[in-house]
Amino acid sequence: MNQYVTGAVIRRLREDRRMTQVELAERIHVSGKAVSKWETGISLR
């Protein structure tokens, strides 16, 4: 999978669960900014 497909999958799964980026971030112990970067393909770390 490339970074854009991965970001799209993360976003779709998050939205299916009706979670915001911040809610997901808190649940997996990362920053909301990290989730945003993953979903836009800026960073995958």
PDB file of N, CA and C in Angstrom:
ATOM      1  N   MET A   1       0.830  -1.185   0.000  1.00  0.00           N
ATOM      2  CA  MET A   1       0.000   0.000   0.000  1.00  0.00           C
ATOM      3  C   MET A   1       0.871   1.245   0.000  1.00  0.00           C
ATOM      4  N   ASN A   2       0.473   2.219  -0.755  1.00  0.00           N
ATOM      5  CA  ASN A   2       1.228   3.469  -0.711  1.00  0.00           C
ATOM      6  C   ASN A   2       0.650   4.383   0.362  1.00  0.00           C
ATOM      7  N   GLN A   3       1.326   5.493   0.598  1.00  0.00           N
ATOM      8  CA  GLN A   3       0.933   6.365   1.709  1.00  0.00           C
ATOM      9  C   GLN A   3      -0.455   6.967   1.524  1.00  0.00           C
ATOM     10  N   TYR A   4      -0.902   7.205   0.284  1.00  0.00           N
ATOM     11  CA  TYR A   4      -2.215   7.788   0.061  1.00  0.00           C
ATOM     12  C   TYR A   4      -3.325   6.781   0.312  1.00  0.00           C
ATOM     13  N   VAL A   5      -3.114   5.552  -0.076  1.00  0.00           N
ATOM     14  CA  VAL A   5      -4.095   4.511   0.198  1.00  0.00           C
ATOM     15  C   VAL A   5      -4.186   4.289   1.699  1.00  0.00           C
ATOM     16  N   THR A   6      -3.065   4.250   2.370  1.00  0.00           N
ATOM     17  CA  THR A   6      -3.056   4.051   3.816  1.00  0.00           C
ATOM     18  C   THR A   6      -3.813   5.170   4.522  1.00  0.00           C
ATOM     19  N   GLY A   7      -3.554   6.414   4.148  1.00  0.00           N
ATOM     20  CA  GLY A   7      -4.252   7.550   4.748  1.00  0.00           C
ATOM     21  C   GLY A   7      -5.744   7.491   4.518  1.00  0.00           C
ATOM     22  N   ALA A   8      -6.138   7.081   3.318  1.00  0.00           N
ATOM     23  CA  ALA A   8      -7.557   6.971   2.991  1.00  0.00           C
ATOM     24  C   ALA A   8      -8.219   5.883   3.830  1.00  0.00           C
ATOM     25  N   VAL A   9      -7.514   4.802   4.063  1.00  0.00           N
ATOM     26  CA  VAL A   9      -8.050   3.709   4.877  1.00  0.00           C
ATOM     27  C   VAL A   9      -8.208   4.166   6.326  1.00  0.00           C
ATOM     28  N   ILE A  10      -7.195   4.837   6.851  1.00  0.00           N
ATOM     29  CA  ILE A  10      -7.276   5.344   8.227  1.00  0.00           C
ATOM     30  C   ILE A  10      -8.477   6.267   8.365  1.00  0.00           C
ATOM     31  N   ARG A  11      -8.625   7.183   7.427  1.00  0.00           N
ATOM     32  CA  ARG A  11      -9.728   8.135   7.497  1.00  0.00           C
ATOM     33  C   ARG A  11     -11.082   7.431   7.405  1.00  0.00           C
ATOM     34  N   ARG A  12     -11.222   6.500   6.464  1.00  0.00           N
ATOM     35  CA  ARG A  12     -12.493   5.803   6.299  1.00  0.00           C
ATOM     36  C   ARG A  12     -12.863   5.027   7.563  1.00  0.00           C
ATOM     37  N   LEU A  13     -11.903   4.325   8.126  1.00  0.00           N
ATOM     38  CA  LEU A  13     -12.182   3.556   9.339  1.00  0.00           C
ATOM     39  C   LEU A  13     -12.532   4.469  10.510  1.00  0.00           C
ATOM     40  N   ARG A  14     -11.818   5.593  10.611  1.00  0.00           N
ATOM     41  CA  ARG A  14     -12.101   6.558  11.685  1.00  0.00           C
ATOM     42  C   ARG A  14     -13.501   7.133  11.530  1.00  0.00           C
ATOM     43  N   GLU A  15     -13.843   7.525  10.311  1.00  0.00           N
ATOM     44  CA  GLU A  15     -15.160   8.110  10.077  1.00  0.00           C
ATOM     45  C   GLU A  15     -16.277   7.077  10.242  1.00  0.00           C
ATOM     46  N   ASP A  16     -16.025   5.821   9.868  1.00  0.00           N
ATOM     47  CA  ASP A  16     -17.017   4.765  10.069  1.00  0.00           C
ATOM     48  C   ASP A  16     -17.372   4.615  11.542  1.00  0.00           C
ATOM     49  N   ARG A  17     -16.400   4.886  12.389  1.00  0.00           N
ATOM     50  CA  ARG A  17     -16.615   4.790  13.838  1.00  0.00           C
ATOM     51  C   ARG A  17     -17.051   6.118  14.452  1.00  0.00           C
ATOM     52  N   ARG A  18     -17.294   7.104  13.575  1.00  0.00           N
ATOM     53  CA  ARG A  18     -17.756   8.439  13.994  1.00  0.00           C
ATOM     54  C   ARG A  18     -16.814   9.077  15.015  1.00  0.00           C
ATOM     55  N   MET A  19     -15.510   8.958  14.733  1.00  0.00           N
ATOM     56  CA  MET A  19     -14.501   9.544  15.615  1.00  0.00           C
ATOM     57  C   MET A  19     -13.853  10.742  14.929  1.00  0.00           C
ATOM     58  N   THR A  20     -13.485  11.732  15.723  1.00  0.00           N
ATOM     59  CA  THR A  20     -12.693  12.835  15.194  1.00  0.00           C
ATOM     60  C   THR A  20     -11.229  12.411  15.191  1.00  0.00           C
ATOM     61  N   GLN A  21     -10.411  13.205  14.526  1.00  0.00           N
ATOM     62  CA  GLN A  21      -8.976  12.920  14.527  1.00  0.00           C
ATOM     63  C   GLN A  21      -8.430  12.989  15.953  1.00  0.00           C
ATOM     64  N   VAL A  22      -8.911  13.925  16.725  1.00  0.00           N
ATOM     65  CA  VAL A  22      -8.439  14.082  18.110  1.00  0.00           C
ATOM     66  C   VAL A  22      -8.854  12.878  18.957  1.00  0.00           C
ATOM     67  N   GLU A  23     -10.066  12.394  18.782  1.00  0.00           N
ATOM     68  CA  GLU A  23     -10.516  11.222  19.539  1.00  0.00           C
ATOM     69  C   GLU A  23      -9.668   9.995  19.205  1.00  0.00           C
ATOM     70  N   LEU A  24      -9.399   9.797  17.920  1.00  0.00           N
ATOM     71  CA  LEU A  24      -8.540   8.680  17.529  1.00  0.00           C
ATOM     72  C   LEU A  24      -7.151   8.850  18.127  1.00  0.00           C
ATOM     73  N   ALA A  25      -6.617  10.054  18.037  1.00  0.00           N
ATOM     74  CA  ALA A  25      -5.276  10.330  18.558  1.00  0.00           C
ATOM     75  C   ALA A  25      -5.186  10.012  20.046  1.00  0.00           C
ATOM     76  N   GLU A  26      -6.178  10.446  20.809  1.00  0.00           N
ATOM     77  CA  GLU A  26      -6.172  10.178  22.247  1.00  0.00           C
ATOM     78  C   GLU A  26      -6.238   8.682  22.524  1.00  0.00           C
ATOM     79  N   ARG A  27      -7.009   7.989  21.724  1.00  0.00           N
ATOM     80  CA  ARG A  27      -7.175   6.552  21.943  1.00  0.00           C
ATOM     81  C   ARG A  27      -5.894   5.769  21.678  1.00  0.00           C
ATOM     82  N   ILE A  28      -5.091   6.217  20.703  1.00  0.00           N
ATOM     83  CA  ILE A  28      -3.865   5.484  20.366  1.00  0.00           C
ATOM     84  C   ILE A  28      -2.608   6.201  20.856  1.00  0.00           C
ATOM     85  N   HIS A  29      -2.805   7.244  21.666  1.00  0.00           N
ATOM     86  CA  HIS A  29      -1.710   7.940  22.346  1.00  0.00           C
ATOM     87  C   HIS A  29      -0.718   8.610  21.389  1.00  0.00           C
ATOM     88  N   VAL A  30      -1.275   9.345  20.434  1.00  0.00           N
ATOM     89  CA  VAL A  30      -0.471  10.195  19.553  1.00  0.00           C
ATOM     90  C   VAL A  30      -1.161  11.545  19.486  1.00  0.00           C
ATOM     91  N   SER A  31      -0.548  12.501  18.800  1.00  0.00           N
ATOM     92  CA  SER A  31      -1.171  13.817  18.683  1.00  0.00           C
ATOM     93  C   SER A  31      -2.196  13.830  17.557  1.00  0.00           C
ATOM     94  N   GLY A  32      -3.134  14.752  17.656  1.00  0.00           N
ATOM     95  CA  GLY A  32      -4.115  14.928  16.590  1.00  0.00           C
ATOM     96  C   GLY A  32      -3.449  15.322  15.291  1.00  0.00           C
ATOM     97  N   LYS A  33      -2.363  16.058  15.409  1.00  0.00           N
ATOM     98  CA  LYS A  33      -1.607  16.474  14.227  1.00  0.00           C
ATOM     99  C   LYS A  33      -1.001  15.262  13.513  1.00  0.00           C
ATOM    100  N   ALA A  34      -0.582  14.258  14.269  1.00  0.00           N
ATOM    101  CA  ALA A  34      -0.026  13.043  13.667  1.00  0.00           C
ATOM    102  C   ALA A  34      -1.089  12.328  12.838  1.00  0.00           C
ATOM    103  N   VAL A  35      -2.289  12.221  13.373  1.00  0.00           N
ATOM    104  CA  VAL A  35      -3.379  11.568  12.641  1.00  0.00           C
ATOM    105  C   VAL A  35      -3.669  12.337  11.357  1.00  0.00           C
ATOM    106  N   SER A  36      -3.686  13.640  11.451  1.00  0.00           N
ATOM    107  CA  SER A  36      -3.921  14.467  10.267  1.00  0.00           C
ATOM    108  C   SER A  36      -2.857  14.219   9.203  1.00  0.00           C
ATOM    109  N   LYS A  37      -1.611  14.155   9.630  1.00  0.00           N
ATOM    110  CA  LYS A  37      -0.517  13.913   8.687  1.00  0.00           C
ATOM    111  C   LYS A  37      -0.628  12.534   8.047  1.00  0.00           C
ATOM    112  N   TRP A  38      -1.025  11.544   8.819  1.00  0.00           N
ATOM    113  CA  TRP A  38      -1.189  10.192   8.259  1.00  0.00           C
ATOM    114  C   TRP A  38      -2.267  10.206   7.181  1.00  0.00           C
ATOM    115  N   GLU A  39      -3.390  10.861   7.499  1.00  0.00           N
ATOM    116  CA  GLU A  39      -4.520  10.847   6.576  1.00  0.00           C
ATOM    117  C   GLU A  39      -4.230  11.630   5.292  1.00  0.00           C
ATOM    118  N   THR A  40      -3.407  12.637   5.373  1.00  0.00           N
ATOM    119  CA  THR A  40      -3.083  13.420   4.178  1.00  0.00           C
ATOM    120  C   THR A  40      -1.861  12.886   3.451  1.00  0.00           C
ATOM    121  N   GLY A  41      -1.189  11.907   4.038  1.00  0.00           N
ATOM    122  CA  GLY A  41      -0.026  11.305   3.389  1.00  0.00           C
ATOM    123  C   GLY A  41       1.256  12.079   3.584  1.00  0.00           C
ATOM    124  N   ILE A  42       1.257  13.046   4.491  1.00  0.00           N
ATOM    125  CA  ILE A  42       2.459  13.837   4.753  1.00  0.00           C
ATOM    126  C   ILE A  42       3.486  13.020   5.507  1.00  0.00           C
ATOM    127  N   SER A  43       3.013  12.192   6.436  1.00  0.00           N
ATOM    128  CA  SER A  43       3.916  11.399   7.261  1.00  0.00           C
ATOM    129  C   SER A  43       3.252  10.102   7.663  1.00  0.00           C
ATOM    130  N   LEU A  44       4.045   9.057   7.740  1.00  0.00           N
ATOM    131  CA  LEU A  44       3.501   7.763   8.184  1.00  0.00           C
ATOM    132  C   LEU A  44       4.197   7.279   9.443  1.00  0.00           C
ATOM    133  N   ARG A  45       4.919   8.120  10.114  1.00  0.00           N
ATOM    134  CA  ARG A  45       5.614   7.730  11.346  1.00  0.00           C
ATOM    135  C   ARG A  45       4.821   8.078  12.554  1.00  0.00           C
TER     136      ARG A  45
END
